[in-house]
Every structure is written in structure tokens, then in C-alpha cells.
Protein backbone atom coordinates (compact mmCIF):
# COMPACT_ATOMS: atom_id res chain seq x y z
CA UNK A 1 99.53 168.93 99.31
CA UNK A 2 98.98 171.89 96.96
CA UNK A 3 98.45 175.36 98.36
CA UNK A 4 94.95 176.74 97.97
CA UNK A 5 94.74 180.30 96.70
CA UNK A 6 91.90 182.44 98.05
CA UNK A 7 90.80 185.55 96.20
CA UNK A 8 89.79 187.76 99.13
CA UNK A 9 88.26 190.37 96.81
CA UNK A 10 85.70 187.80 95.60
CA UNK A 11 84.81 186.20 98.93
CA UNK A 12 81.59 187.42 100.51
CA UNK A 13 81.33 188.49 104.15
CA UNK A 14 80.09 185.88 106.61
CA UNK A 15 76.34 185.54 106.95
CA UNK A 16 74.96 186.58 110.31
CA UNK A 17 73.04 183.91 112.19
CA UNK A 18 71.37 186.53 114.39
CA UNK A 19 67.67 187.02 113.66
CA UNK A 20 67.24 190.14 111.54
CA UNK A 21 63.99 191.20 113.16
CA UNK A 22 65.44 191.50 116.68
CA UNK A 23 67.13 194.82 117.39
CA UNK A 24 70.51 195.06 119.09
CA UNK A 25 69.74 194.08 122.69
CA UNK A 26 71.95 193.28 125.64
CA UNK A 27 71.55 189.75 126.99
CA UNK A 28 69.63 191.11 130.01
CA UNK A 29 67.28 193.11 127.78
CA UNK A 30 66.71 190.05 125.61
CA UNK A 31 65.85 187.86 128.62
CA UNK A 32 63.51 190.54 130.01
CA UNK A 33 61.75 190.89 126.63
CA UNK A 34 61.46 187.12 126.34
CA UNK A 35 59.92 186.90 129.84
CA UNK A 36 57.34 189.55 128.93
CA UNK A 37 56.48 187.81 125.66
CA UNK A 38 56.00 184.48 127.44
CA UNK A 39 53.85 186.03 130.20
CA UNK A 40 51.51 187.52 127.59
CA UNK A 41 50.30 184.03 126.49
CA UNK A 42 49.67 185.52 123.05
CA UNK A 43 50.13 183.06 120.22
CA UNK A 44 50.64 186.02 117.86
CA UNK A 45 54.01 186.60 119.56
CA UNK A 46 55.40 183.13 118.87
CA UNK A 47 57.70 184.40 116.14
CA UNK A 48 59.11 187.01 118.56
CA UNK A 49 59.61 184.34 121.24
CA UNK A 50 61.39 182.07 118.74
CA UNK A 51 63.59 184.91 117.54
CA UNK A 52 64.53 185.91 121.10
CA UNK A 53 65.37 182.31 122.00
CA UNK A 54 67.47 182.11 118.82
CA UNK A 55 69.24 185.31 119.73
CA UNK A 56 70.09 183.96 123.19
CA UNK A 57 71.17 180.60 121.74
CA UNK A 58 73.72 182.43 119.55
CA UNK A 59 75.09 184.13 122.67
CA UNK A 60 75.43 180.81 124.53
CA UNK A 61 77.34 179.13 121.68
């Protein structure tokens, strides 16, 4: 099998799967913020709820 040469100068950094609109939060802060967003029953916060769930899902993986 031939060796594969990788040009590290041309490779791009890995893409983050963390939502960009959620600031750096600890897991506990994220869960607390998610709980508050869910309690509000405000459909305008659905994007925030989805982003927080996505942030926690990344932590679980």
C-alpha cells in the first residue's frame, strides 16, 4: 500500500461542532440556562433551547 503524503501547511483546522451563538459555559451553567429557557415557555427562545441542547450533546459524546 502506498504511503499518503499530507501537506500540513495546506490542511485547514478542524471545524468546531459547538454552536457559535452559545458563549463558553460550564456544563452546570448550560443546564441551568436550558432549564430557565424551557420554563419561560417562550417560542421565541426555541433557537436558544436547540443550541443549548446541541452544546450538551457535544459534551456527552
